[in-house]
Amino acid sequence: MNAQLKPIDKTRILARAEIAEVLTDLKRKKRSVNTRQNLVVFRLATCCGLRVSEIAGLRLCDVQTAGRRPCIHVNVTTAKRGKDGKTATKLSKARTVPLWWDAGTLADLETWKAERASQGASKGDPFVCVQAKTVKPISGDSENSRCRKNQAGSPLQSRNLQSRWRAAIKVLGPERVHLLSIHCGRHSFCSHALAGGRTIADVRDAAGHANISTTSIYLHAVSDDDETTGNLFNFA
């Protein structure tokens, strides 16, 4: 099994300074709703290790920000997809992603959850969604605007999330934006969680890896001198 695993490409892991730069930039910018959502998408990928399909399928009720052990519940229907992009693979399983590992991530997700509620979203609605109040023709219909529907509040597709990710990390420059896909956020989460002192079993469970050998490829991918519990991604 280990021989079949490819070593992690360290150039596709966001450095401590890069994560800090992105977070600082997103919080410094004019706080439009799209900027606020870009911050959440970045947090979910880089500080929670969610796959793009998992971010797209996340509901408000899946993000538990209260209590002693706040967490994200990733259910099997939003876990890793098969090659057809629809069916979950046999290795997919529901999991719990800890939010108590990082206070900044917890605060940002809690704020966004409250904002979604203020938009009228219910517990079963998407955590991240289309924000612009635009209209789109109903598929296969050539009628005028009376046959259009509002897309605000509908789930973001994978391509939209990739676009949100690129907008979030734009501050890193075009070369890094070109190299770093949203899945690189997941690689970064695993690497920095291990470097920050979380056990390999903890990271395996949080990432939803099938076995320890997959998680082990992230060992020593980055160096981290900050071992403060509860602030894994506080690199400022």
C-alpha atoms as a PDB file:
ATOM      1  CA  MET A   1       0.000   0.000   0.000  1.00  0.00           C
ATOM      2  CA  ASN A   2       2.705   2.490   0.959  1.00  0.00           C
ATOM      3  CA  ALA A   3       4.588   1.828  -2.274  1.00  0.00           C
ATOM      4  CA  GLN A   4       1.513   2.870  -4.264  1.00  0.00           C
ATOM      5  CA  LEU A   5       1.156   6.238  -2.548  1.00  0.00           C
ATOM      6  CA  LYS A   6       2.700   9.214  -4.288  1.00  0.00           C
ATOM      7  CA  PRO A   7       4.819  11.522  -2.138  1.00  0.00           C
ATOM      8  CA  ILE A   8       3.177  14.866  -1.446  1.00  0.00           C
ATOM      9  CA  ASP A   9       4.249  17.743  -3.706  1.00  0.00           C
ATOM     10  CA  LYS A  10       5.366  20.359  -1.191  1.00  0.00           C
ATOM     11  CA  THR A  11       4.968  23.158  -3.743  1.00  0.00           C
ATOM     12  CA  ARG A  12       1.210  22.526  -3.597  1.00  0.00           C
ATOM     13  CA  ILE A  13       1.024  23.121   0.143  1.00  0.00           C
ATOM     14  CA  LEU A  14       0.351  26.649   1.301  1.00  0.00           C
ATOM     15  CA  ALA A  15       3.122  27.894   3.566  1.00  0.00           C
ATOM     16  CA  ARG A  16       2.382  29.354   6.989  1.00  0.00           C
ATOM     17  CA  ALA A  17       3.085  32.853   5.678  1.00  0.00           C
ATOM     18  CA  GLU A  18       0.795  32.304   2.679  1.00  0.00           C
ATOM     19  CA  ILE A  19      -2.143  31.207   4.826  1.00  0.00           C
ATOM     20  CA  ALA A  20      -1.620  34.229   7.071  1.00  0.00           C
ATOM     21  CA  GLU A  21      -1.394  36.527   4.039  1.00  0.00           C
ATOM     22  CA  VAL A  22      -4.626  35.240   2.509  1.00  0.00           C
ATOM     23  CA  LEU A  23      -6.555  35.492   5.774  1.00  0.00           C
ATOM     24  CA  THR A  24      -5.236  38.989   6.469  1.00  0.00           C
ATOM     25  CA  ASP A  25      -6.056  40.142   2.938  1.00  0.00           C
ATOM     26  CA  LEU A  26      -9.612  38.782   3.027  1.00  0.00           C
ATOM     27  CA  LYS A  27     -10.275  40.427   6.387  1.00  0.00           C
ATOM     28  CA  ARG A  28      -8.703  43.726   5.306  1.00  0.00           C
ATOM     29  CA  LYS A  29     -10.679  44.100   2.078  1.00  0.00           C
ATOM     30  CA  LYS A  30     -14.003  45.870   1.780  1.00  0.00           C
ATOM     31  CA  ARG A  31     -16.310  43.347   3.363  1.00  0.00           C
ATOM     32  CA  SER A  32     -18.672  42.531   0.502  1.00  0.00           C
ATOM     33  CA  VAL A  33     -20.784  39.397   0.830  1.00  0.00           C
ATOM     34  CA  ASN A  34     -18.669  37.681  -1.842  1.00  0.00           C
ATOM     35  CA  THR A  35     -15.454  38.488   0.038  1.00  0.00           C
ATOM     36  CA  ARG A  36     -16.952  37.142   3.245  1.00  0.00           C
ATOM     37  CA  GLN A  37     -17.975  33.944   1.479  1.00  0.00           C
ATOM     38  CA  ASN A  38     -14.545  33.616  -0.160  1.00  0.00           C
ATOM     39  CA  LEU A  39     -13.067  33.673   3.353  1.00  0.00           C
ATOM     40  CA  VAL A  40     -15.403  30.861   4.396  1.00  0.00           C
ATOM     41  CA  VAL A  41     -14.537  28.765   1.327  1.00  0.00           C
ATOM     42  CA  PHE A  42     -10.839  29.235   2.097  1.00  0.00           C
ATOM     43  CA  ARG A  43     -11.397  28.272   5.745  1.00  0.00           C
ATOM     44  CA  LEU A  44     -13.372  25.139   4.836  1.00  0.00           C
ATOM     45  CA  ALA A  45     -10.706  23.932   2.403  1.00  0.00           C
ATOM     46  CA  THR A  46      -7.496  24.984   4.156  1.00  0.00           C
ATOM     47  CA  CYS A  47      -8.413  24.975   7.842  1.00  0.00           C
ATOM     48  CA  CYS A  48     -10.960  22.121   7.806  1.00  0.00           C
ATOM     49  CA  GLY A  49      -9.680  19.925   4.959  1.00  0.00           C
ATOM     50  CA  LEU A  50     -12.993  19.597   3.126  1.00  0.00           C
ATOM     51  CA  ARG A  51     -13.071  18.390  -0.470  1.00  0.00           C
ATOM     52  CA  VAL A  52     -14.787  20.599  -3.036  1.00  0.00           C
ATOM     53  CA  SER A  53     -17.790  18.239  -3.235  1.00  0.00           C
ATOM     54  CA  GLU A  54     -18.072  18.340   0.554  1.00  0.00           C
ATOM     55  CA  ILE A  55     -18.076  22.138   0.608  1.00  0.00           C
ATOM     56  CA  ALA A  56     -20.730  22.192  -2.094  1.00  0.00           C
ATOM     57  CA  GLY A  57     -22.950  19.779  -0.152  1.00  0.00           C
ATOM     58  CA  LEU A  58     -22.486  21.324   3.285  1.00  0.00           C
ATOM     59  CA  ARG A  59     -25.698  22.460   5.034  1.00  0.00           C
ATOM     60  CA  LEU A  60     -26.163  24.896   7.887  1.00  0.00           C
ATOM     61  CA  CYS A  61     -27.135  22.055  10.229  1.00  0.00           C
ATOM     62  CA  ASP A  62     -23.856  20.264   9.430  1.00  0.00           C
ATOM     63  CA  VAL A  63     -21.814  23.085  10.984  1.00  0.00           C
ATOM     64  CA  GLN A  64     -22.091  22.933  14.776  1.00  0.00           C
ATOM     65  CA  THR A  65     -20.421  25.975  16.321  1.00  0.00           C
ATOM     66  CA  ALA A  66     -21.788  25.744  19.886  1.00  0.00           C
ATOM     67  CA  GLY A  67     -20.701  23.588  22.817  1.00  0.00           C
ATOM     68  CA  ARG A  68     -17.376  22.311  24.074  1.00  0.00           C
ATOM     69  CA  ARG A  69     -16.586  20.360  20.912  1.00  0.00           C
ATOM     70  CA  PRO A  70     -17.828  22.366  17.893  1.00  0.00           C
ATOM     71  CA  CYS A  71     -17.444  20.472  14.635  1.00  0.00           C
ATOM     72  CA  ILE A  72     -18.513  19.906  11.047  1.00  0.00           C
ATOM     73  CA  HIS A  73     -20.497  16.775  10.233  1.00  0.00           C
ATOM     74  CA  VAL A  74     -19.605  15.499   6.768  1.00  0.00           C
ATOM     75  CA  ASN A  75     -22.246  12.965   5.804  1.00  0.00           C
ATOM     76  CA  VAL A  76     -21.757  10.174   3.298  1.00  0.00           C
ATOM     77  CA  THR A  77     -23.788  11.888   0.573  1.00  0.00           C
ATOM     78  CA  THR A  78     -21.288  14.767   0.453  1.00  0.00           C
ATOM     79  CA  ALA A  79     -18.141  12.688   0.927  1.00  0.00           C
ATOM     80  CA  LYS A  80     -15.664  11.730  -1.780  1.00  0.00           C
ATOM     81  CA  ARG A  81     -17.269  11.226  -5.187  1.00  0.00           C
ATOM     82  CA  GLY A  82     -16.638   8.421  -7.622  1.00  0.00           C
ATOM     83  CA  LYS A  83     -15.199   8.880 -11.105  1.00  0.00           C
ATOM     84  CA  ASP A  84     -18.646   9.678 -12.477  1.00  0.00           C
ATOM     85  CA  GLY A  85     -18.802  12.658 -10.130  1.00  0.00           C
ATOM     86  CA  LYS A  86     -22.054  11.430  -8.637  1.00  0.00           C
ATOM     87  CA  THR A  87     -21.723   8.239  -6.639  1.00  0.00           C
ATOM     88  CA  ALA A  88     -19.682   8.024  -3.467  1.00  0.00           C
ATOM     89  CA  THR A  89     -16.789   5.584  -3.539  1.00  0.00           C
ATOM     90  CA  LYS A  90     -16.665   2.550  -1.253  1.00  0.00           C
ATOM     91  CA  LEU A  91     -13.970   4.289   0.784  1.00  0.00           C
ATOM     92  CA  SER A  92     -16.255   7.239   1.531  1.00  0.00           C
ATOM     93  CA  LYS A  93     -17.636   7.526   5.027  1.00  0.00           C
ATOM     94  CA  ALA A  94     -19.286  10.080   7.234  1.00  0.00           C
ATOM     95  CA  ARG A  95     -16.880  11.895   9.543  1.00  0.00           C
ATOM     96  CA  THR A  96     -16.567  14.688  12.068  1.00  0.00           C
ATOM     97  CA  VAL A  97     -14.148  17.560  11.476  1.00  0.00           C
ATOM     98  CA  PRO A  98     -13.104  19.311  14.713  1.00  0.00           C
ATOM     99  CA  LEU A  99     -13.588  23.074  14.859  1.00  0.00           C
ATOM    100  CA  TRP A 100     -12.039  23.387  18.331  1.00  0.00           C
ATOM    101  CA  TRP A 101      -8.586  23.000  16.790  1.00  0.00           C
ATOM    102  CA  ASP A 102      -8.588  26.574  15.553  1.00  0.00           C
ATOM    103  CA  ALA A 103     -10.377  29.495  17.193  1.00  0.00           C
ATOM    104  CA  GLY A 104     -10.118  31.775  14.151  1.00  0.00           C
ATOM    105  CA  THR A 105     -11.779  29.236  11.873  1.00  0.00           C
ATOM    106  CA  LEU A 106     -14.535  28.603  14.398  1.00  0.00           C
ATOM    107  CA  ALA A 107     -15.222  32.344  14.748  1.00  0.00           C
ATOM    108  CA  ASP A 108     -15.391  32.921  10.985  1.00  0.00           C
ATOM    109  CA  LEU A 109     -17.715  29.945  10.381  1.00  0.00           C
ATOM    110  CA  GLU A 110     -19.928  30.964  13.305  1.00  0.00           C
ATOM    111  CA  THR A 111     -20.223  34.497  11.915  1.00  0.00           C
ATOM    112  CA  TRP A 112     -21.062  33.196   8.447  1.00  0.00           C
ATOM    113  CA  LYS A 113     -23.653  30.756   9.777  1.00  0.00           C
ATOM    114  CA  ALA A 114     -25.391  33.648  11.546  1.00  0.00           C
ATOM    115  CA  GLU A 115     -25.281  35.676   8.328  1.00  0.00           C
ATOM    116  CA  ARG A 116     -26.849  32.845   6.335  1.00  0.00           C
ATOM    117  CA  ALA A 117     -29.600  32.629   8.948  1.00  0.00           C
ATOM    118  CA  SER A 118     -30.158  36.375   8.617  1.00  0.00           C
ATOM    119  CA  GLN A 119     -30.590  35.822   4.874  1.00  0.00           C
ATOM    120  CA  GLY A 120     -33.516  33.549   5.691  1.00  0.00           C
ATOM    121  CA  ALA A 121     -31.664  30.247   5.253  1.00  0.00           C
ATOM    122  CA  SER A 122     -32.986  27.264   7.202  1.00  0.00           C
ATOM    123  CA  LYS A 123     -30.957  24.440   8.729  1.00  0.00           C
ATOM    124  CA  GLY A 124     -31.195  22.290   5.596  1.00  0.00           C
ATOM    125  CA  ASP A 125     -30.026  25.033   3.214  1.00  0.00           C
ATOM    126  CA  PRO A 126     -26.514  25.252   1.719  1.00  0.00           C
ATOM    127  CA  PHE A 127     -23.820  26.680   3.974  1.00  0.00           C
ATOM    128  CA  VAL A 128     -22.251  28.452   0.998  1.00  0.00           C
ATOM    129  CA  CYS A 129     -24.420  29.423  -1.939  1.00  0.00           C
ATOM    130  CA  VAL A 130     -25.038  31.720  -4.889  1.00  0.00           C
ATOM    131  CA  GLN A 131     -25.248  35.230  -3.456  1.00  0.00           C
ATOM    132  CA  ALA A 132     -25.990  37.462  -6.440  1.00  0.00           C
ATOM    133  CA  LYS A 133     -29.667  38.111  -7.055  1.00  0.00           C
ATOM    134  CA  THR A 134     -29.514  37.155 -10.712  1.00  0.00           C
ATOM    135  CA  VAL A 135     -31.908  35.303 -12.977  1.00  0.00           C
ATOM    136  CA  LYS A 136     -31.192  32.421 -15.304  1.00  0.00           C
ATOM    137  CA  PRO A 137     -33.307  30.860 -18.060  1.00  0.00           C
ATOM    138  CA  ILE A 138     -34.932  27.612 -17.097  1.00  0.00           C
ATOM    139  CA  SER A 139     -33.100  24.793 -18.916  1.00  0.00           C
ATOM    140  CA  GLY A 140     -34.597  24.100 -22.326  1.00  0.00           C
ATOM    141  CA  ASP A 141     -36.919  27.101 -22.200  1.00  0.00           C
ATOM    142  CA  SER A 142     -36.656  29.906 -24.742  1.00  0.00           C
ATOM    143  CA  GLU A 143     -39.396  32.089 -23.285  1.00  0.00           C
ATOM    144  CA  ASN A 144     -38.836  35.600 -21.947  1.00  0.00           C
ATOM    145  CA  SER A 145     -38.011  36.703 -18.408  1.00  0.00           C
ATOM    146  CA  ARG A 146     -41.285  35.417 -16.967  1.00  0.00           C
ATOM    147  CA  CYS A 147     -39.809  31.946 -17.427  1.00  0.00           C
ATOM    148  CA  ARG A 148     -36.660  32.735 -15.479  1.00  0.00           C
ATOM    149  CA  LYS A 149     -35.854  31.831 -11.898  1.00  0.00           C
ATOM    150  CA  ASN A 150     -33.789  33.484  -9.174  1.00  0.00           C
ATOM    151  CA  GLN A 151     -30.559  31.601  -8.397  1.00  0.00           C
ATOM    152  CA  ALA A 152     -29.700  33.306  -5.099  1.00  0.00           C
ATOM    153  CA  GLY A 153     -29.424  30.736  -2.314  1.00  0.00           C
ATOM    154  CA  SER A 154     -28.820  27.767  -4.602  1.00  0.00           C
ATOM    155  CA  PRO A 155     -25.758  25.533  -4.013  1.00  0.00           C
ATOM    156  CA  LEU A 156     -22.433  26.476  -5.560  1.00  0.00           C
ATOM    157  CA  GLN A 157     -21.121  24.080  -8.185  1.00  0.00           C
ATOM    158  CA  SER A 158     -17.537  22.811  -8.154  1.00  0.00           C
ATOM    159  CA  ARG A 159     -16.461  25.261 -10.845  1.00  0.00           C
ATOM    160  CA  ASN A 160     -17.940  28.142  -8.835  1.00  0.00           C
ATOM    161  CA  LEU A 161     -16.057  27.021  -5.736  1.00  0.00           C
ATOM    162  CA  GLN A 162     -12.820  26.826  -7.710  1.00  0.00           C
ATOM    163  CA  SER A 163     -13.479  30.391  -8.852  1.00  0.00           C
ATOM    164  CA  ARG A 164     -14.157  31.514  -5.267  1.00  0.00           C
ATOM    165  CA  TRP A 165     -10.917  29.831  -4.187  1.00  0.00           C
ATOM    166  CA  ARG A 166      -8.887  31.605  -6.878  1.00  0.00           C
ATOM    167  CA  ALA A 167     -10.384  34.940  -5.858  1.00  0.00           C
ATOM    168  CA  ALA A 168      -9.526  34.214  -2.213  1.00  0.00           C
ATOM    169  CA  ILE A 169      -5.830  33.465  -2.870  1.00  0.00           C
ATOM    170  CA  LYS A 170      -5.330  36.173  -5.519  1.00  0.00           C
ATOM    171  CA  VAL A 171      -3.064  38.060  -3.128  1.00  0.00           C
ATOM    172  CA  LEU A 172      -0.432  35.298  -3.520  1.00  0.00           C
ATOM    173  CA  GLY A 173       0.188  36.248  -7.156  1.00  0.00           C
ATOM    174  CA  PRO A 174      -0.663  34.652 -10.524  1.00  0.00           C
ATOM    175  CA  GLU A 175       1.953  31.875 -10.375  1.00  0.00           C
ATOM    176  CA  ARG A 176       0.645  30.513  -7.069  1.00  0.00           C
ATOM    177  CA  VAL A 177      -2.976  30.969  -8.123  1.00  0.00           C
ATOM    178  CA  HIS A 178      -2.253  28.918 -11.238  1.00  0.00           C
ATOM    179  CA  LEU A 179      -0.540  26.160  -9.238  1.00  0.00           C
ATOM    180  CA  LEU A 180      -2.845  25.907  -6.220  1.00  0.00           C
ATOM    181  CA  SER A 181      -6.247  24.282  -6.739  1.00  0.00           C
ATOM    182  CA  ILE A 182      -8.868  24.209  -4.007  1.00  0.00           C
ATOM    183  CA  HIS A 183      -7.805  20.617  -3.229  1.00  0.00           C
ATOM    184  CA  CYS A 184      -4.393  22.004  -2.247  1.00  0.00           C
ATOM    185  CA  GLY A 185      -6.205  23.546   0.702  1.00  0.00           C
ATOM    186  CA  ARG A 186      -6.976  20.012   1.896  1.00  0.00           C
ATOM    187  CA  HIS A 187      -3.319  19.021   1.501  1.00  0.00           C
ATOM    188  CA  SER A 188      -2.349  22.085   3.510  1.00  0.00           C
ATOM    189  CA  PHE A 189      -4.812  21.247   6.281  1.00  0.00           C
ATOM    190  CA  CYS A 190      -3.388  17.752   6.746  1.00  0.00           C
ATOM    191  CA  SER A 191       0.207  18.988   6.667  1.00  0.00           C
ATOM    192  CA  HIS A 192      -0.217  21.873   9.106  1.00  0.00           C
ATOM    193  CA  ALA A 193      -2.439  19.905  11.482  1.00  0.00           C
ATOM    194  CA  LEU A 194       0.303  17.284  11.826  1.00  0.00           C
ATOM    195  CA  ALA A 195       3.023  19.929  12.114  1.00  0.00           C
ATOM    196  CA  GLY A 196       0.946  21.707  14.756  1.00  0.00           C
ATOM    197  CA  GLY A 197       0.977  18.681  17.040  1.00  0.00           C
ATOM    198  CA  ARG A 198      -2.203  16.801  16.162  1.00  0.00           C
ATOM    199  CA  THR A 199      -1.753  13.039  16.136  1.00  0.00           C
ATOM    200  CA  ILE A 200      -1.724  11.100  12.907  1.00  0.00           C
ATOM    201  CA  ALA A 201      -4.878   9.264  14.028  1.00  0.00           C
ATOM    202  CA  ASP A 202      -6.643  12.563  14.727  1.00  0.00           C
ATOM    203  CA  VAL A 203      -5.766  13.923  11.296  1.00  0.00           C
ATOM    204  CA  ARG A 204      -6.723  10.664   9.589  1.00  0.00           C
ATOM    205  CA  ASP A 205     -10.174  10.838  11.154  1.00  0.00           C
ATOM    206  CA  ALA A 206     -10.642  14.552  10.472  1.00  0.00           C
ATOM    207  CA  ALA A 207      -9.629  14.173   6.825  1.00  0.00           C
ATOM    208  CA  GLY A 208     -11.572  10.958   6.318  1.00  0.00           C
ATOM    209  CA  HIS A 209      -8.605   8.959   5.067  1.00  0.00           C
ATOM    210  CA  ALA A 210      -9.171   5.220   4.742  1.00  0.00           C
ATOM    211  CA  ASN A 211      -5.952   4.379   6.565  1.00  0.00           C
ATOM    212  CA  ILE A 212      -2.947   5.796   8.377  1.00  0.00           C
ATOM    213  CA  SER A 213      -0.621   5.269   5.415  1.00  0.00           C
ATOM    214  CA  THR A 214      -2.466   7.932   3.425  1.00  0.00           C
ATOM    215  CA  THR A 215      -2.192  10.424   6.268  1.00  0.00           C
ATOM    216  CA  SER A 216       1.486   9.624   6.788  1.00  0.00           C
ATOM    217  CA  ILE A 217       2.518  11.175   3.471  1.00  0.00           C
ATOM    218  CA  TYR A 218       1.829  14.569   5.051  1.00  0.00           C
ATOM    219  CA  LEU A 219       4.277  14.045   7.917  1.00  0.00           C
ATOM    220  CA  HIS A 220       7.183  16.514   7.795  1.00  0.00           C
ATOM    221  CA  ALA A 221       5.712  18.212   4.716  1.00  0.00           C
ATOM    222  CA  VAL A 222       5.938  21.506   6.600  1.00  0.00           C
ATOM    223  CA  SER A 223       7.695  22.726   9.736  1.00  0.00           C
ATOM    224  CA  ASP A 224       5.676  24.418  12.462  1.00  0.00           C
ATOM    225  CA  ASP A 225       7.074  25.886  15.656  1.00  0.00           C
ATOM    226  CA  ASP A 226       3.691  27.090  16.944  1.00  0.00           C
ATOM    227  CA  GLU A 227       2.216  24.391  19.168  1.00  0.00           C
ATOM    228  CA  THR A 228      -0.461  26.529  20.803  1.00  0.00           C
ATOM    229  CA  THR A 229      -3.533  24.325  21.079  1.00  0.00           C
ATOM    230  CA  GLY A 230      -6.595  25.900  19.558  1.00  0.00           C
ATOM    231  CA  ASN A 231      -4.725  28.195  17.179  1.00  0.00           C
ATOM    232  CA  LEU A 232      -3.374  25.895  14.471  1.00  0.00           C
ATOM    233  CA  PHE A 233      -3.777  28.483  11.740  1.00  0.00           C
ATOM    234  CA  ASN A 234      -2.884  31.612  13.689  1.00  0.00           C
ATOM    235  CA  PHE A 235       0.301  32.394  11.780  1.00  0.00           C
ATOM    236  CA  ALA A 236       0.163  36.181  12.043  1.00  0.00           C
END
